Amino acid sequence: MFNKKKPNAETIRNLKVLFSKRYQIPETSILSMAELSCHEPNCPPIETIITERAEGGRVRNWRIAKPIIDIREIDIKNLNEEHNHEH
């Protein structure tokens, strides 16, 4: 049987704290993390999408080409603005 490692709530909470500090996300914003599987060519098998939903309706997304459980602080620090997609 295929056993996929799932991130625990503490891991996600810690990453959200690091991310909020790095990108100055206000407490009034909702910050979510989701893993997406990709089966397209030249696409990472699993990527994590971090979404900020601000109080005024602004939505920003960042992408990290690895599962949540493999994300480290350095991955968050190394995200560049070109990975930031404002809608």
PDB file of N, CA and C in Angstrom:
ATOM      1  N   MET A   1       0.842  -1.191   0.000  1.00  0.00           N
ATOM      2  CA  MET A   1       0.000   0.000   0.000  1.00  0.00           C
ATOM      3  C   MET A   1       0.882   1.247   0.000  1.00  0.00           C
ATOM      4  N   PHE A   2       0.445   2.266  -0.653  1.00  0.00           N
ATOM      5  CA  PHE A   2       1.216   3.499  -0.798  1.00  0.00           C
ATOM      6  C   PHE A   2       0.989   4.388   0.420  1.00  0.00           C
ATOM      7  N   ASN A   3       2.035   4.636   1.172  1.00  0.00           N
ATOM      8  CA  ASN A   3       1.931   5.498   2.353  1.00  0.00           C
ATOM      9  C   ASN A   3       2.582   6.835   2.080  1.00  0.00           C
ATOM     10  N   LYS A   4       1.769   7.855   1.975  1.00  0.00           N
ATOM     11  CA  LYS A   4       2.268   9.203   1.739  1.00  0.00           C
ATOM     12  C   LYS A   4       2.431   9.892   3.083  1.00  0.00           C
ATOM     13  N   LYS A   5       3.615  10.478   3.302  1.00  0.00           N
ATOM     14  CA  LYS A   5       3.826  11.214   4.550  1.00  0.00           C
ATOM     15  C   LYS A   5       3.004  12.494   4.505  1.00  0.00           C
ATOM     16  N   LYS A   6       2.236  12.708   5.533  1.00  0.00           N
ATOM     17  CA  LYS A   6       1.406  13.917   5.618  1.00  0.00           C
ATOM     18  C   LYS A   6       2.050  14.875   6.619  1.00  0.00           C
ATOM     19  N   PRO A   7       2.046  16.168   6.304  1.00  0.00           N
ATOM     20  CA  PRO A   7       2.570  17.140   7.275  1.00  0.00           C
ATOM     21  C   PRO A   7       1.610  17.244   8.453  1.00  0.00           C
ATOM     22  N   ASN A   8       2.165  17.407   9.639  1.00  0.00           N
ATOM     23  CA  ASN A   8       1.278  17.574  10.787  1.00  0.00           C
ATOM     24  C   ASN A   8       0.945  19.049  10.974  1.00  0.00           C
ATOM     25  N   ALA A   9      -0.030  19.310  11.817  1.00  0.00           N
ATOM     26  CA  ALA A   9      -0.516  20.683  12.015  1.00  0.00           C
ATOM     27  C   ALA A   9       0.587  21.598  12.534  1.00  0.00           C
ATOM     28  N   GLU A  10       1.464  21.066  13.372  1.00  0.00           N
ATOM     29  CA  GLU A  10       2.550  21.892  13.930  1.00  0.00           C
ATOM     30  C   GLU A  10       3.526  22.322  12.830  1.00  0.00           C
ATOM     31  N   THR A  11       3.832  21.424  11.909  1.00  0.00           N
ATOM     32  CA  THR A  11       4.715  21.761  10.787  1.00  0.00           C
ATOM     33  C   THR A  11       4.120  22.899   9.973  1.00  0.00           C
ATOM     34  N   ILE A  12       2.846  22.778   9.643  1.00  0.00           N
ATOM     35  CA  ILE A  12       2.172  23.821   8.857  1.00  0.00           C
ATOM     36  C   ILE A  12       2.128  25.133   9.629  1.00  0.00           C
ATOM     37  N   ARG A  13       1.811  25.071  10.910  1.00  0.00           N
ATOM     38  CA  ARG A  13       1.757  26.281  11.742  1.00  0.00           C
ATOM     39  C   ARG A  13       3.120  26.971  11.769  1.00  0.00           C
ATOM     40  N   ASN A  14       4.186  26.204  11.953  1.00  0.00           N
ATOM     41  CA  ASN A  14       5.541  26.779  11.996  1.00  0.00           C
ATOM     42  C   ASN A  14       5.913  27.420  10.661  1.00  0.00           C
ATOM     43  N   LEU A  15       5.577  26.766   9.564  1.00  0.00           N
ATOM     44  CA  LEU A  15       5.866  27.348   8.244  1.00  0.00           C
ATOM     45  C   LEU A  15       5.076  28.629   8.027  1.00  0.00           C
ATOM     46  N   LYS A  16       3.831  28.656   8.478  1.00  0.00           N
ATOM     47  CA  LYS A  16       3.015  29.869   8.326  1.00  0.00           C
ATOM     48  C   LYS A  16       3.605  31.024   9.123  1.00  0.00           C
ATOM     49  N   VAL A  17       4.133  30.736  10.313  1.00  0.00           N
ATOM     50  CA  VAL A  17       4.772  31.787  11.129  1.00  0.00           C
ATOM     51  C   VAL A  17       6.004  32.326  10.405  1.00  0.00           C
ATOM     52  N   LEU A  18       6.852  31.428   9.912  1.00  0.00           N
ATOM     53  CA  LEU A  18       8.047  31.857   9.175  1.00  0.00           C
ATOM     54  C   LEU A  18       7.660  32.677   7.949  1.00  0.00           C
ATOM     55  N   PHE A  19       6.662  32.199   7.218  1.00  0.00           N
ATOM     56  CA  PHE A  19       6.229  32.875   6.004  1.00  0.00           C
ATOM     57  C   PHE A  19       5.645  34.248   6.325  1.00  0.00           C
ATOM     58  N   SER A  20       4.829  34.318   7.363  1.00  0.00           N
ATOM     59  CA  SER A  20       4.205  35.592   7.760  1.00  0.00           C
ATOM     60  C   SER A  20       5.249  36.630   8.140  1.00  0.00           C
ATOM     61  N   LYS A  21       6.280  36.197   8.855  1.00  0.00           N
ATOM     62  CA  LYS A  21       7.349  37.125   9.237  1.00  0.00           C
ATOM     63  C   LYS A  21       8.125  37.586   8.008  1.00  0.00           C
ATOM     64  N   ARG A  22       8.464  36.644   7.128  1.00  0.00           N
ATOM     65  CA  ARG A  22       9.285  36.962   5.956  1.00  0.00           C
ATOM     66  C   ARG A  22       8.578  37.922   5.003  1.00  0.00           C
ATOM     67  N   TYR A  23       7.271  37.724   4.810  1.00  0.00           N
ATOM     68  CA  TYR A  23       6.526  38.530   3.840  1.00  0.00           C
ATOM     69  C   TYR A  23       5.568  39.516   4.499  1.00  0.00           C
ATOM     70  N   GLN A  24       5.751  39.733   5.807  1.00  0.00           N
ATOM     71  CA  GLN A  24       4.973  40.719   6.577  1.00  0.00           C
ATOM     72  C   GLN A  24       3.472  40.583   6.310  1.00  0.00           C
ATOM     73  N   ILE A  25       2.984  39.349   6.475  1.00  0.00           N
ATOM     74  CA  ILE A  25       1.560  39.063   6.289  1.00  0.00           C
ATOM     75  C   ILE A  25       0.836  39.495   7.562  1.00  0.00           C
ATOM     76  N   PRO A  26      -0.131  40.398   7.461  1.00  0.00           N
ATOM     77  CA  PRO A  26      -0.841  40.836   8.669  1.00  0.00           C
ATOM     78  C   PRO A  26      -1.739  39.730   9.230  1.00  0.00           C
ATOM     79  N   GLU A  27      -2.016  39.818  10.533  1.00  0.00           N
ATOM     80  CA  GLU A  27      -2.878  38.815  11.169  1.00  0.00           C
ATOM     81  C   GLU A  27      -4.296  38.826  10.605  1.00  0.00           C
ATOM     82  N   THR A  28      -4.684  39.905   9.959  1.00  0.00           N
ATOM     83  CA  THR A  28      -6.032  39.988   9.386  1.00  0.00           C
ATOM     84  C   THR A  28      -6.147  39.205   8.075  1.00  0.00           C
ATOM     85  N   SER A  29      -5.020  38.796   7.501  1.00  0.00           N
ATOM     86  CA  SER A  29      -5.032  37.990   6.279  1.00  0.00           C
ATOM     87  C   SER A  29      -5.182  36.518   6.640  1.00  0.00           C
ATOM     88  N   ILE A  30      -5.763  35.771   5.721  1.00  0.00           N
ATOM     89  CA  ILE A  30      -5.840  34.320   5.868  1.00  0.00           C
ATOM     90  C   ILE A  30      -4.716  33.735   5.030  1.00  0.00           C
ATOM     91  N   LEU A  31      -3.897  32.903   5.663  1.00  0.00           N
ATOM     92  CA  LEU A  31      -2.772  32.281   4.985  1.00  0.00           C
ATOM     93  C   LEU A  31      -3.050  30.785   4.908  1.00  0.00           C
ATOM     94  N   SER A  32      -3.010  30.232   3.695  1.00  0.00           N
ATOM     95  CA  SER A  32      -3.251  28.800   3.549  1.00  0.00           C
ATOM     96  C   SER A  32      -2.137  28.161   2.739  1.00  0.00           C
ATOM     97  N   MET A  33      -1.941  26.862   2.972  1.00  0.00           N
ATOM     98  CA  MET A  33      -0.948  26.082   2.247  1.00  0.00           C
ATOM     99  C   MET A  33      -1.640  24.845   1.707  1.00  0.00           C
ATOM    100  N   ALA A  34      -1.368  24.537   0.448  1.00  0.00           N
ATOM    101  CA  ALA A  34      -1.963  23.356  -0.163  1.00  0.00           C
ATOM    102  C   ALA A  34      -0.947  22.677  -1.062  1.00  0.00           C
ATOM    103  N   GLU A  35      -0.924  21.352  -1.010  1.00  0.00           N
ATOM    104  CA  GLU A  35      -0.081  20.577  -1.912  1.00  0.00           C
ATOM    105  C   GLU A  35      -0.895  20.204  -3.137  1.00  0.00           C
ATOM    106  N   LEU A  36      -0.284  20.368  -4.296  1.00  0.00           N
ATOM    107  CA  LEU A  36      -0.930  19.987  -5.544  1.00  0.00           C
ATOM    108  C   LEU A  36      -0.040  18.996  -6.280  1.00  0.00           C
ATOM    109  N   SER A  37      -0.649  17.965  -6.829  1.00  0.00           N
ATOM    110  CA  SER A  37       0.074  17.004  -7.659  1.00  0.00           C
ATOM    111  C   SER A  37      -0.014  17.455  -9.101  1.00  0.00           C
ATOM    112  N   CYS A  38       1.085  17.285  -9.816  1.00  0.00           N
ATOM    113  CA  CYS A  38       1.101  17.670 -11.222  1.00  0.00           C
ATOM    114  C   CYS A  38       1.584  16.495 -12.045  1.00  0.00           C
ATOM    115  N   HIS A  39       0.865  16.213 -13.107  1.00  0.00           N
ATOM    116  CA  HIS A  39       1.239  15.104 -13.981  1.00  0.00           C
ATOM    117  C   HIS A  39       1.628  15.605 -15.369  1.00  0.00           C
ATOM    118  N   GLU A  40       1.833  16.907 -15.483  1.00  0.00           N
ATOM    119  CA  GLU A  40       2.230  17.512 -16.756  1.00  0.00           C
ATOM    120  C   GLU A  40       3.746  17.416 -16.928  1.00  0.00           C
ATOM    121  N   PRO A  41       4.234  17.433 -18.172  1.00  0.00           N
ATOM    122  CA  PRO A  41       5.685  17.438 -18.394  1.00  0.00           C
ATOM    123  C   PRO A  41       6.321  18.719 -17.819  1.00  0.00           C
ATOM    124  N   ASN A  42       7.556  18.606 -17.358  1.00  0.00           N
ATOM    125  CA  ASN A  42       8.334  19.732 -16.807  1.00  0.00           C
ATOM    126  C   ASN A  42       7.681  20.383 -15.589  1.00  0.00           C
ATOM    127  N   CYS A  43       6.912  19.638 -14.872  1.00  0.00           N
ATOM    128  CA  CYS A  43       6.212  20.140 -13.689  1.00  0.00           C
ATOM    129  C   CYS A  43       6.669  19.296 -12.503  1.00  0.00           C
ATOM    130  N   PRO A  44       6.941  19.926 -11.338  1.00  0.00           N
ATOM    131  CA  PRO A  44       7.340  19.103 -10.186  1.00  0.00           C
ATOM    132  C   PRO A  44       6.196  18.162  -9.812  1.00  0.00           C
ATOM    133  N   PRO A  45       6.506  16.934  -9.360  1.00  0.00           N
ATOM    134  CA  PRO A  45       5.440  15.987  -9.034  1.00  0.00           C
ATOM    135  C   PRO A  45       4.477  16.525  -7.970  1.00  0.00           C
ATOM    136  N   ILE A  46       5.017  17.237  -6.983  1.00  0.00           N
ATOM    137  CA  ILE A  46       4.185  17.876  -5.957  1.00  0.00           C
ATOM    138  C   ILE A  46       4.734  19.264  -5.703  1.00  0.00           C
ATOM    139  N   GLU A  47       3.853  20.250  -5.713  1.00  0.00           N
ATOM    140  CA  GLU A  47       4.275  21.598  -5.342  1.00  0.00           C
ATOM    141  C   GLU A  47       3.325  22.121  -4.270  1.00  0.00           C
ATOM    142  N   THR A  48       3.841  23.044  -3.486  1.00  0.00           N
ATOM    143  CA  THR A  48       3.050  23.659  -2.436  1.00  0.00           C
ATOM    144  C   THR A  48       2.692  25.073  -2.864  1.00  0.00           C
ATOM    145  N   ILE A  49       1.423  25.394  -2.757  1.00  0.00           N
ATOM    146  CA  ILE A  49       0.931  26.731  -3.067  1.00  0.00           C
ATOM    147  C   ILE A  49       0.607  27.402  -1.737  1.00  0.00           C
ATOM    148  N   ILE A  50       1.188  28.572  -1.512  1.00  0.00           N
ATOM    149  CA  ILE A  50       0.892  29.364  -0.312  1.00  0.00           C
ATOM    150  C   ILE A  50       0.057  30.542  -0.785  1.00  0.00           C
ATOM    151  N   THR A  51      -1.090  30.728  -0.175  1.00  0.00           N
ATOM    152  CA  THR A  51      -2.017  31.777  -0.585  1.00  0.00           C
ATOM    153  C   THR A  51      -2.305  32.706   0.580  1.00  0.00           C
ATOM    154  N   GLU A  52      -2.198  34.013   0.298  1.00  0.00           N
ATOM    155  CA  GLU A  52      -2.612  35.030   1.266  1.00  0.00           C
ATOM    156  C   GLU A  52      -3.904  35.655   0.739  1.00  0.00           C
ATOM    157  N   ARG A  53      -4.923  35.642   1.567  1.00  0.00           N
ATOM    158  CA  ARG A  53      -6.176  36.328   1.258  1.00  0.00           C
ATOM    159  C   ARG A  53      -6.299  37.490   2.238  1.00  0.00           C
ATOM    160  N   ALA A  54      -6.066  38.696   1.717  1.00  0.00           N
ATOM    161  CA  ALA A  54      -6.058  39.890   2.557  1.00  0.00           C
ATOM    162  C   ALA A  54      -7.476  40.369   2.809  1.00  0.00           C
ATOM    163  N   GLU A  55      -7.627  41.127   3.873  1.00  0.00           N
ATOM    164  CA  GLU A  55      -8.925  41.644   4.296  1.00  0.00           C
ATOM    165  C   GLU A  55      -9.615  42.437   3.179  1.00  0.00           C
ATOM    166  N   GLY A  56      -8.856  43.191   2.395  1.00  0.00           N
ATOM    167  CA  GLY A  56      -9.442  44.015   1.336  1.00  0.00           C
ATOM    168  C   GLY A  56      -9.754  43.266   0.055  1.00  0.00           C
ATOM    169  N   GLY A  57      -9.516  41.947   0.030  1.00  0.00           N
ATOM    170  CA  GLY A  57      -9.837  41.169  -1.150  1.00  0.00           C
ATOM    171  C   GLY A  57      -8.638  40.791  -2.007  1.00  0.00           C
ATOM    172  N   ARG A  58      -7.452  41.342  -1.699  1.00  0.00           N
ATOM    173  CA  ARG A  58      -6.252  41.006  -2.464  1.00  0.00           C
ATOM    174  C   ARG A  58      -5.865  39.548  -2.199  1.00  0.00           C
ATOM    175  N   VAL A  59      -5.449  38.862  -3.250  1.00  0.00           N
ATOM    176  CA  VAL A  59      -4.981  37.485  -3.124  1.00  0.00           C
ATOM    177  C   VAL A  59      -3.588  37.405  -3.723  1.00  0.00           C
ATOM    178  N   ARG A  60      -2.659  36.839  -2.957  1.00  0.00           N
ATOM    179  CA  ARG A  60      -1.299  36.614  -3.463  1.00  0.00           C
ATOM    180  C   ARG A  60      -0.968  35.135  -3.302  1.00  0.00           C
ATOM    181  N   ASN A  61      -0.273  34.582  -4.297  1.00  0.00           N
ATOM    182  CA  ASN A  61       0.140  33.182  -4.266  1.00  0.00           C
ATOM    183  C   ASN A  61       1.643  33.068  -4.445  1.00  0.00           C
ATOM    184  N   TRP A  62       2.230  32.112  -3.743  1.00  0.00           N
ATOM    185  CA  TRP A  62       3.627  31.748  -3.911  1.00  0.00           C
ATOM    186  C   TRP A  62       3.668  30.244  -4.135  1.00  0.00           C
ATOM    187  N   ARG A  63       4.652  29.778  -4.879  1.00  0.00           N
ATOM    188  CA  ARG A  63       4.788  28.355  -5.177  1.00  0.00           C
ATOM    189  C   ARG A  63       6.172  27.871  -4.768  1.00  0.00           C
ATOM    190  N   ILE A  64       6.212  26.705  -4.129  1.00  0.00           N
ATOM    191  CA  ILE A  64       7.467  26.049  -3.786  1.00  0.00           C
ATOM    192  C   ILE A  64       7.377  24.647  -4.381  1.00  0.00           C
ATOM    193  N   ALA A  65       8.366  24.271  -5.178  1.00  0.00           N
ATOM    194  CA  ALA A  65       8.320  23.018  -5.928  1.00  0.00           C
ATOM    195  C   ALA A  65       8.716  21.817  -5.079  1.00  0.00           C
ATOM    196  N   LYS A  66       8.016  21.645  -3.954  1.00  0.00           N
ATOM    197  CA  LYS A  66       8.233  20.473  -3.103  1.00  0.00           C
ATOM    198  C   LYS A  66       7.050  20.328  -2.157  1.00  0.00           C
ATOM    199  N   PRO A  67       6.887  19.150  -1.565  1.00  0.00           N
ATOM    200  CA  PRO A  67       5.802  18.951  -0.606  1.00  0.00           C
ATOM    201  C   PRO A  67       6.032  19.754   0.680  1.00  0.00           C
ATOM    202  N   ILE A  68       4.960  20.036   1.389  1.00  0.00           N
ATOM    203  CA  ILE A  68       5.031  20.808   2.642  1.00  0.00           C
ATOM    204  C   ILE A  68       6.051  20.214   3.597  1.00  0.00           C
ATOM    205  N   ILE A  69       6.058  18.897   3.731  1.00  0.00           N
ATOM    206  CA  ILE A  69       6.932  18.245   4.713  1.00  0.00           C
ATOM    207  C   ILE A  69       8.417  18.469   4.412  1.00  0.00           C
ATOM    208  N   ASP A  70       8.750  18.793   3.155  1.00  0.00           N
ATOM    209  CA  ASP A  70      10.150  19.017   2.763  1.00  0.00           C
ATOM    210  C   ASP A  70      10.553  20.488   2.749  1.00  0.00           C
ATOM    211  N   ILE A  71       9.630  21.396   2.995  1.00  0.00           N
ATOM    212  CA  ILE A  71       9.937  22.830   2.968  1.00  0.00           C
ATOM    213  C   ILE A  71      10.729  23.208   4.218  1.00  0.00           C
ATOM    214  N   ARG A  72      11.791  23.952   3.998  1.00  0.00           N
ATOM    215  CA  ARG A  72      12.636  24.440   5.094  1.00  0.00           C
ATOM    216  C   ARG A  72      12.605  25.969   5.084  1.00  0.00           C
ATOM    217  N   GLU A  73      13.097  26.559   6.148  1.00  0.00           N
ATOM    218  CA  GLU A  73      13.120  28.022   6.263  1.00  0.00           C
ATOM    219  C   GLU A  73      13.840  28.653   5.080  1.00  0.00           C
ATOM    220  N   ILE A  74      14.918  28.037   4.628  1.00  0.00           N
ATOM    221  CA  ILE A  74      15.685  28.593   3.509  1.00  0.00           C
ATOM    222  C   ILE A  74      14.842  28.663   2.231  1.00  0.00           C
ATOM    223  N   ASP A  75      13.916  27.705   2.047  1.00  0.00           N
ATOM    224  CA  ASP A  75      13.036  27.735   0.870  1.00  0.00           C
ATOM    225  C   ASP A  75      12.138  28.971   0.906  1.00  0.00           C
ATOM    226  N   ILE A  76      11.653  29.304   2.078  1.00  0.00           N
ATOM    227  CA  ILE A  76      10.784  30.478   2.238  1.00  0.00           C
ATOM    228  C   ILE A  76      11.603  31.752   2.032  1.00  0.00           C
ATOM    229  N   LYS A  77      12.798  31.794   2.602  1.00  0.00           N
ATOM    230  CA  LYS A  77      13.654  32.976   2.446  1.00  0.00           C
ATOM    231  C   LYS A  77      14.081  33.187   1.008  1.00  0.00           C
ATOM    232  N   ASN A  78      14.215  32.105   0.235  1.00  0.00           N
ATOM    233  CA  ASN A  78      14.712  32.210  -1.136  1.00  0.00           C
ATOM    234  C   ASN A  78      13.628  32.475  -2.173  1.00  0.00           C
ATOM    235  N   LEU A  79      12.380  32.538  -1.766  1.00  0.00           N
ATOM    236  CA  LEU A  79      11.322  32.880  -2.724  1.00  0.00           C
ATOM    237  C   LEU A  79      11.543  34.302  -3.206  1.00  0.00           C
ATOM    238  N   ASN A  80      11.565  34.483  -4.497  1.00  0.00           N
ATOM    239  CA  ASN A  80      11.741  35.808  -5.068  1.00  0.00           C
ATOM    240  C   ASN A  80      10.406  36.378  -5.487  1.00  0.00           C
ATOM    241  N   GLU A  81      10.384  37.651  -5.708  1.00  0.00           N
ATOM    242  CA  GLU A  81       9.140  38.322  -6.099  1.00  0.00           C
ATOM    243  C   GLU A  81       8.554  37.745  -7.379  1.00  0.00           C
ATOM    244  N   GLU A  82       9.393  37.217  -8.277  1.00  0.00           N
ATOM    245  CA  GLU A  82       8.822  36.666  -9.501  1.00  0.00           C
ATOM    246  C   GLU A  82       7.992  35.415  -9.225  1.00  0.00           C
ATOM    247  N   HIS A  83       8.160  34.797  -8.060  1.00  0.00           N
ATOM    248  CA  HIS A  83       7.328  33.670  -7.665  1.00  0.00           C
ATOM    249  C   HIS A  83       6.027  34.134  -7.039  1.00  0.00           C
ATOM    250  N   ASN A  84       5.897  35.414  -6.840  1.00  0.00           N
ATOM    251  CA  ASN A  84       4.734  36.002  -6.192  1.00  0.00           C
ATOM    252  C   ASN A  84       3.783  36.488  -7.283  1.00  0.00           C
ATOM    253  N   HIS A  85       2.595  35.899  -7.320  1.00  0.00           N
ATOM    254  CA  HIS A  85       1.625  36.237  -8.350  1.00  0.00           C
ATOM    255  C   HIS A  85       0.446  36.963  -7.708  1.00  0.00           C
ATOM    256  N   GLU A  86       0.360  38.275  -7.922  1.00  0.00           N
ATOM    257  CA  GLU A  86      -0.751  39.044  -7.360  1.00  0.00           C
ATOM    258  C   GLU A  86      -1.922  39.023  -8.324  1.00  0.00           C
ATOM    259  N   HIS A  87      -3.109  38.875  -7.777  1.00  0.00           N
ATOM    260  CA  HIS A  87      -4.328  38.873  -8.595  1.00  0.00           C
ATOM    261  C   HIS A  87      -5.150  40.110  -8.297  1.00  0.00           C
TER     262      HIS A  87
END
